Amino acid sequence: MAQRLALQRLLSLPARGPLASHGRAFGTSAGRRSTFNVQDGSDFQDRVVNSSKPVVVDFHAQWCGPCKILGPRLEKLVAKQEGKVLMAKVDIDDHTDLAIEYEVSAVPTVLAMKNGDVVDKFVGIKDEDQLEAFLKKLIGA
């Protein structure tokens, strides 16, 4: 169990299953408040499509190596935006319907959404400078 928790922390993956009830020993950062896991289609509609703020949508999979690199990198940069943008994480294995609806054919795929519309998109891994430019374009900074 300790090994699984250490691995989850290392990879910044959300806890699942019986270990999900054990919280982290440290507090929640501002980045965690800006980032959320999509629970279902209704949750996606409420928190992404109907959001008054721009939303970065990270379509990923647990088995995807590049996703494990991109996800934390993107979360960190979204947190630096201090609430100007939100980040929704969508596991394509859990939410195949959303992946199909948004034409996700490879992971990681990241969408930039404003007022319910996709305004930008990229597939694959990006470095921090490219991600910052992507976020600035979305926010309009």
Protein backbone atom coordinates (compact mmCIF):
# COMPACT_ATOMS: atom_id res chain seq x y z
CA MET A 1 0.00 0.00 0.00
CA ALA A 2 2.78 2.46 0.85
CA GLN A 3 4.46 1.70 -2.47
CA ARG A 4 1.23 2.40 -4.38
CA LEU A 5 0.75 5.72 -2.57
CA ALA A 6 4.33 6.74 -3.28
CA LEU A 7 3.88 5.92 -6.96
CA GLN A 8 0.62 7.93 -7.12
CA ARG A 9 2.32 10.95 -5.58
CA LEU A 10 5.27 10.63 -7.93
CA LEU A 11 3.05 10.52 -11.00
CA SER A 12 0.51 13.04 -9.64
CA LEU A 13 -2.33 10.69 -10.44
CA PRO A 14 -5.62 10.80 -8.57
CA ALA A 15 -6.10 7.99 -6.07
CA ARG A 16 -8.68 5.36 -7.03
CA GLY A 17 -10.29 2.37 -5.43
CA PRO A 18 -9.91 1.51 -1.76
CA LEU A 19 -6.98 3.89 -1.28
CA ALA A 20 -9.00 6.90 -2.46
CA SER A 21 -10.33 7.54 1.03
CA HIS A 22 -6.83 8.14 2.42
CA GLY A 23 -6.05 11.82 1.92
CA ARG A 24 -2.61 13.28 1.47
CA ALA A 25 -0.85 14.39 4.60
CA PHE A 26 -0.25 17.89 3.25
CA GLY A 27 -2.70 20.65 2.30
CA THR A 28 -4.37 21.29 -1.00
CA SER A 29 -2.53 23.75 -3.21
CA ALA A 30 -4.15 26.47 -5.30
CA GLY A 31 -3.43 24.32 -8.37
CA ARG A 32 -5.68 21.59 -7.08
CA ARG A 33 -8.57 24.04 -6.77
CA SER A 34 -8.07 25.10 -10.41
CA THR A 35 -7.84 21.48 -11.59
CA PHE A 36 -10.56 18.86 -11.35
CA ASN A 37 -11.33 15.39 -12.63
CA VAL A 38 -14.46 15.13 -14.77
CA GLN A 39 -16.89 12.67 -13.16
CA ASP A 40 -19.39 12.17 -16.03
CA GLY A 41 -21.03 13.88 -19.00
CA SER A 42 -23.25 16.01 -16.79
CA ASP A 43 -20.24 17.15 -14.75
CA PHE A 44 -18.42 18.03 -17.99
CA GLN A 45 -21.42 20.06 -19.16
CA ASP A 46 -21.70 21.94 -15.85
CA ARG A 47 -18.03 22.59 -15.14
CA VAL A 48 -16.52 22.89 -18.63
CA VAL A 49 -19.13 23.76 -21.26
CA ASN A 50 -21.06 26.13 -18.96
CA SER A 51 -17.96 27.61 -17.28
CA SER A 52 -17.69 31.39 -17.18
CA LYS A 53 -13.89 30.98 -17.19
CA PRO A 54 -11.75 29.48 -19.95
CA VAL A 55 -11.05 25.78 -19.42
CA VAL A 56 -8.12 23.64 -20.51
CA VAL A 57 -9.34 20.06 -21.03
CA ASP A 58 -6.66 17.37 -20.69
CA PHE A 59 -7.78 14.11 -22.33
CA HIS A 60 -5.41 11.49 -20.94
CA ALA A 61 -5.10 7.81 -19.96
CA GLN A 62 -3.48 6.08 -16.98
CA TRP A 63 -1.35 3.93 -19.30
CA CYS A 64 -0.06 6.89 -21.36
CA GLY A 65 3.57 7.79 -20.63
CA PRO A 66 3.54 11.26 -22.25
CA CYS A 67 0.32 12.04 -20.32
CA LYS A 68 2.17 11.47 -17.05
CA ILE A 69 4.71 14.09 -18.09
CA LEU A 70 2.31 16.62 -19.62
CA GLY A 71 -0.40 16.50 -16.93
CA PRO A 72 1.66 17.78 -13.97
CA ARG A 73 3.45 20.31 -16.19
CA LEU A 74 0.12 21.71 -17.38
CA GLU A 75 -1.38 21.68 -13.86
CA LYS A 76 1.56 23.74 -12.56
CA LEU A 77 1.16 26.36 -15.28
CA VAL A 78 -2.62 26.55 -14.83
CA ALA A 79 -2.07 27.09 -11.08
CA LYS A 80 0.27 30.01 -11.89
CA GLN A 81 -2.63 31.72 -13.68
CA GLU A 82 -4.26 32.27 -10.26
CA GLY A 83 -7.82 31.33 -11.20
CA LYS A 84 -7.97 32.95 -14.65
CA VAL A 85 -8.31 29.50 -16.21
CA LEU A 86 -9.49 26.08 -15.02
CA MET A 87 -8.21 22.63 -15.96
CA ALA A 88 -10.46 19.62 -16.46
CA LYS A 89 -8.88 16.17 -16.61
CA VAL A 90 -10.76 13.55 -18.64
CA ASP A 91 -9.62 9.91 -18.53
CA ILE A 92 -10.51 8.54 -21.97
CA ASP A 93 -10.92 5.00 -20.62
CA ASP A 94 -13.55 6.20 -18.14
CA HIS A 95 -15.21 8.72 -20.48
CA THR A 96 -15.03 7.25 -23.97
CA ASP A 97 -18.22 9.12 -24.94
CA LEU A 98 -16.54 12.50 -24.33
CA ALA A 99 -13.41 11.42 -26.20
CA ILE A 100 -15.54 10.44 -29.20
CA GLU A 101 -17.65 13.60 -29.01
CA TYR A 102 -14.53 15.80 -29.05
CA GLU A 103 -12.78 13.67 -31.71
CA VAL A 104 -9.88 12.61 -29.50
CA SER A 105 -7.90 10.06 -31.50
CA ALA A 106 -4.65 10.12 -29.50
CA VAL A 107 -3.54 11.03 -26.00
CA PRO A 108 -2.60 13.40 -24.64
CA THR A 109 -5.01 15.74 -26.40
CA VAL A 110 -5.55 19.15 -24.85
CA LEU A 111 -8.46 21.42 -25.77
CA ALA A 112 -8.81 25.10 -24.96
CA MET A 113 -12.49 25.94 -24.36
CA LYS A 114 -14.15 29.31 -23.98
CA ASN A 115 -17.90 29.79 -23.57
CA GLY A 116 -18.46 26.11 -24.39
CA ASP A 117 -16.56 26.22 -27.68
CA VAL A 118 -13.22 24.64 -28.58
CA VAL A 119 -10.98 27.57 -29.55
CA ASP A 120 -7.61 25.77 -29.71
CA LYS A 121 -6.20 22.26 -29.47
CA PHE A 122 -2.95 20.30 -29.49
CA VAL A 123 -1.99 16.65 -29.46
CA GLY A 124 1.15 15.31 -27.81
CA ILE A 125 3.62 16.68 -25.34
CA LYS A 126 4.73 20.33 -25.22
CA ASP A 127 7.46 22.12 -23.28
CA GLU A 128 6.67 24.78 -20.68
CA ASP A 129 7.21 27.72 -23.05
CA GLN A 130 4.75 26.25 -25.57
CA LEU A 131 2.22 25.57 -22.81
CA GLU A 132 2.55 29.11 -21.45
CA ALA A 133 1.90 30.51 -24.94
CA PHE A 134 -1.13 28.19 -25.29
CA LEU A 135 -2.55 29.44 -21.95
CA LYS A 136 -1.84 33.12 -22.68
CA LYS A 137 -3.65 32.81 -26.01
CA LEU A 138 -6.64 31.22 -24.25
CA ILE A 139 -6.77 33.80 -21.47
CA GLY A 140 -6.11 36.68 -23.84
CA ALA A 141 -3.09 37.91 -21.87
